[in-house]
Amino acid sequence: MSTPVTFTVNDMTCNHCAGVITKAVKDVDADARVDITVADKRVVIDSSLPAQSLAEAIEEAGYTPVAA
């Protein structure tokens, strides 16, 4: 694992959204650790993949991640 990457996802509004984002990340890195705080719209991912790959996975799930 590497240094955790943090994204702000302003269009994540509920626990369902958090679940979709978690699944999207796990689909590209099954070993990733995903910590989501819906109220803060914050997604913290500890993964061996580069931040860009993680952002693309979130985007493909229909959300707009912004590096925090």
N, C-alpha and C. Protein backbone atom coordinates (compact mmCIF):
# COMPACT_ATOMS: atom_id res chain seq x y z
N MET A 1 0.84 -1.19 0.00
CA MET A 1 0.00 0.00 0.00
C MET A 1 0.88 1.24 0.00
N SER A 2 0.31 2.32 -0.44
CA SER A 2 1.05 3.57 -0.53
C SER A 2 0.41 4.61 0.39
N THR A 3 0.81 5.84 0.21
CA THR A 3 0.20 6.93 0.96
C THR A 3 -1.26 7.06 0.55
N PRO A 4 -2.17 7.17 1.49
CA PRO A 4 -3.59 7.29 1.13
C PRO A 4 -3.85 8.52 0.26
N VAL A 5 -4.80 8.37 -0.65
CA VAL A 5 -5.22 9.44 -1.55
C VAL A 5 -6.59 9.90 -1.09
N THR A 6 -6.79 11.22 -1.02
CA THR A 6 -8.07 11.76 -0.59
C THR A 6 -8.74 12.52 -1.73
N PHE A 7 -10.02 12.23 -1.91
CA PHE A 7 -10.83 12.94 -2.90
C PHE A 7 -12.02 13.57 -2.20
N THR A 8 -12.45 14.71 -2.72
CA THR A 8 -13.74 15.28 -2.36
C THR A 8 -14.67 14.93 -3.50
N VAL A 9 -15.83 14.35 -3.15
CA VAL A 9 -16.79 13.94 -4.18
C VAL A 9 -18.11 14.64 -3.84
N ASN A 10 -18.27 15.84 -4.40
CA ASN A 10 -19.42 16.67 -4.03
C ASN A 10 -20.76 16.10 -4.48
N ASP A 11 -20.75 15.22 -5.48
CA ASP A 11 -22.02 14.63 -5.91
C ASP A 11 -22.32 13.29 -5.23
N MET A 12 -21.57 12.97 -4.17
CA MET A 12 -21.86 11.80 -3.32
C MET A 12 -22.77 12.31 -2.19
N THR A 13 -24.02 11.82 -2.18
CA THR A 13 -24.99 12.39 -1.24
C THR A 13 -25.53 11.43 -0.19
N CYS A 14 -25.25 10.12 -0.35
CA CYS A 14 -25.86 9.17 0.57
C CYS A 14 -25.00 7.91 0.70
N ASN A 15 -25.43 7.01 1.55
CA ASN A 15 -24.69 5.76 1.75
C ASN A 15 -24.71 4.88 0.51
N HIS A 16 -25.78 4.97 -0.29
CA HIS A 16 -25.81 4.21 -1.54
C HIS A 16 -24.67 4.69 -2.45
N CYS A 17 -24.51 6.00 -2.56
CA CYS A 17 -23.41 6.57 -3.35
C CYS A 17 -22.08 6.03 -2.84
N ALA A 18 -21.90 6.03 -1.54
CA ALA A 18 -20.66 5.55 -0.94
C ALA A 18 -20.41 4.09 -1.31
N GLY A 19 -21.46 3.29 -1.32
CA GLY A 19 -21.34 1.89 -1.70
C GLY A 19 -20.93 1.72 -3.15
N VAL A 20 -21.51 2.54 -4.03
CA VAL A 20 -21.17 2.47 -5.45
C VAL A 20 -19.70 2.85 -5.65
N ILE A 21 -19.25 3.89 -4.97
CA ILE A 21 -17.85 4.32 -5.08
C ILE A 21 -16.92 3.24 -4.53
N THR A 22 -17.27 2.68 -3.38
CA THR A 22 -16.44 1.61 -2.81
C THR A 22 -16.31 0.45 -3.78
N LYS A 23 -17.43 0.03 -4.37
CA LYS A 23 -17.41 -1.09 -5.32
C LYS A 23 -16.55 -0.74 -6.52
N ALA A 24 -16.66 0.48 -7.03
CA ALA A 24 -15.87 0.89 -8.20
C ALA A 24 -14.38 0.81 -7.91
N VAL A 25 -13.98 1.24 -6.72
CA VAL A 25 -12.57 1.19 -6.34
C VAL A 25 -12.13 -0.26 -6.17
N LYS A 26 -12.94 -1.05 -5.49
CA LYS A 26 -12.59 -2.46 -5.26
C LYS A 26 -12.53 -3.25 -6.57
N ASP A 27 -13.29 -2.82 -7.57
CA ASP A 27 -13.24 -3.50 -8.87
C ASP A 27 -11.89 -3.33 -9.54
N VAL A 28 -11.20 -2.21 -9.30
CA VAL A 28 -9.88 -1.99 -9.91
C VAL A 28 -8.75 -2.40 -8.97
N ASP A 29 -9.01 -2.44 -7.66
CA ASP A 29 -8.01 -2.88 -6.68
C ASP A 29 -8.73 -3.54 -5.51
N ALA A 30 -8.82 -4.86 -5.57
CA ALA A 30 -9.56 -5.61 -4.55
C ALA A 30 -8.97 -5.44 -3.15
N ASP A 31 -7.68 -5.09 -3.07
CA ASP A 31 -7.03 -4.94 -1.78
C ASP A 31 -7.07 -3.52 -1.24
N ALA A 32 -7.68 -2.62 -1.97
CA ALA A 32 -7.72 -1.21 -1.53
C ALA A 32 -8.51 -1.08 -0.24
N ARG A 33 -8.10 -0.13 0.59
CA ARG A 33 -8.84 0.22 1.80
C ARG A 33 -9.55 1.53 1.50
N VAL A 34 -10.87 1.53 1.60
CA VAL A 34 -11.68 2.70 1.26
C VAL A 34 -12.39 3.19 2.51
N ASP A 35 -12.17 4.45 2.85
CA ASP A 35 -12.81 5.06 4.02
C ASP A 35 -13.59 6.27 3.53
N ILE A 36 -14.91 6.21 3.67
CA ILE A 36 -15.77 7.27 3.13
C ILE A 36 -16.54 7.94 4.26
N THR A 37 -16.55 9.26 4.23
CA THR A 37 -17.37 10.06 5.14
C THR A 37 -18.35 10.85 4.28
N VAL A 38 -19.59 10.35 4.22
CA VAL A 38 -20.59 10.97 3.34
C VAL A 38 -20.85 12.42 3.74
N ALA A 39 -20.96 12.69 5.03
CA ALA A 39 -21.28 14.05 5.48
C ALA A 39 -20.23 15.07 5.02
N ASP A 40 -18.97 14.64 4.96
CA ASP A 40 -17.89 15.53 4.53
C ASP A 40 -17.60 15.40 3.05
N LYS A 41 -18.31 14.46 2.39
CA LYS A 41 -18.08 14.18 0.96
C LYS A 41 -16.63 13.81 0.69
N ARG A 42 -16.04 13.07 1.65
CA ARG A 42 -14.62 12.72 1.57
C ARG A 42 -14.45 11.22 1.35
N VAL A 43 -13.56 10.90 0.41
CA VAL A 43 -13.21 9.51 0.12
C VAL A 43 -11.69 9.39 0.28
N VAL A 44 -11.27 8.52 1.20
CA VAL A 44 -9.84 8.28 1.42
C VAL A 44 -9.56 6.84 0.99
N ILE A 45 -8.60 6.68 0.08
CA ILE A 45 -8.30 5.36 -0.46
C ILE A 45 -6.83 5.05 -0.25
N ASP A 46 -6.57 3.89 0.35
CA ASP A 46 -5.21 3.40 0.50
C ASP A 46 -5.06 2.27 -0.51
N SER A 47 -4.28 2.52 -1.56
CA SER A 47 -4.17 1.57 -2.66
C SER A 47 -2.78 1.66 -3.27
N SER A 48 -2.39 0.59 -3.94
CA SER A 48 -1.11 0.60 -4.64
C SER A 48 -1.24 1.24 -6.03
N LEU A 49 -2.47 1.51 -6.45
CA LEU A 49 -2.69 2.14 -7.75
C LEU A 49 -2.45 3.65 -7.68
N PRO A 50 -2.09 4.27 -8.82
CA PRO A 50 -1.93 5.73 -8.83
C PRO A 50 -3.28 6.43 -8.65
N ALA A 51 -3.22 7.64 -8.12
CA ALA A 51 -4.44 8.42 -7.85
C ALA A 51 -5.30 8.57 -9.10
N GLN A 52 -4.66 8.75 -10.26
CA GLN A 52 -5.42 8.93 -11.50
C GLN A 52 -6.28 7.71 -11.81
N SER A 53 -5.76 6.53 -11.59
CA SER A 53 -6.53 5.31 -11.84
C SER A 53 -7.73 5.22 -10.91
N LEU A 54 -7.54 5.62 -9.67
CA LEU A 54 -8.64 5.60 -8.70
C LEU A 54 -9.69 6.63 -9.08
N ALA A 55 -9.25 7.82 -9.48
CA ALA A 55 -10.18 8.87 -9.90
C ALA A 55 -11.00 8.40 -11.11
N GLU A 56 -10.33 7.75 -12.06
CA GLU A 56 -11.04 7.26 -13.25
C GLU A 56 -12.09 6.21 -12.88
N ALA A 57 -11.78 5.36 -11.92
CA ALA A 57 -12.75 4.35 -11.49
C ALA A 57 -13.98 5.02 -10.88
N ILE A 58 -13.75 6.07 -10.08
CA ILE A 58 -14.87 6.80 -9.47
C ILE A 58 -15.68 7.52 -10.55
N GLU A 59 -14.99 8.11 -11.51
CA GLU A 59 -15.68 8.80 -12.61
C GLU A 59 -16.53 7.84 -13.42
N GLU A 60 -15.99 6.64 -13.69
CA GLU A 60 -16.74 5.64 -14.45
C GLU A 60 -17.99 5.19 -13.71
N ALA A 61 -17.98 5.32 -12.37
CA ALA A 61 -19.15 4.97 -11.57
C ALA A 61 -20.18 6.10 -11.57
N GLY A 62 -19.83 7.25 -12.19
CA GLY A 62 -20.79 8.34 -12.33
C GLY A 62 -20.59 9.49 -11.37
N TYR A 63 -19.45 9.55 -10.72
CA TYR A 63 -19.20 10.61 -9.73
C TYR A 63 -18.02 11.48 -10.16
N THR A 64 -17.86 12.60 -9.50
CA THR A 64 -16.84 13.58 -9.87
C THR A 64 -15.85 13.78 -8.74
N PRO A 65 -14.77 12.99 -8.71
CA PRO A 65 -13.78 13.14 -7.65
C PRO A 65 -12.85 14.31 -7.92
N VAL A 66 -12.53 15.05 -6.86
CA VAL A 66 -11.58 16.15 -6.94
C VAL A 66 -10.51 15.88 -5.89
N ALA A 67 -9.25 15.88 -6.31
CA ALA A 67 -8.17 15.63 -5.36
C ALA A 67 -8.23 16.64 -4.22
N ALA A 68 -8.13 16.15 -2.99
CA ALA A 68 -8.24 17.04 -1.84
C ALA A 68 -6.88 17.23 -1.20
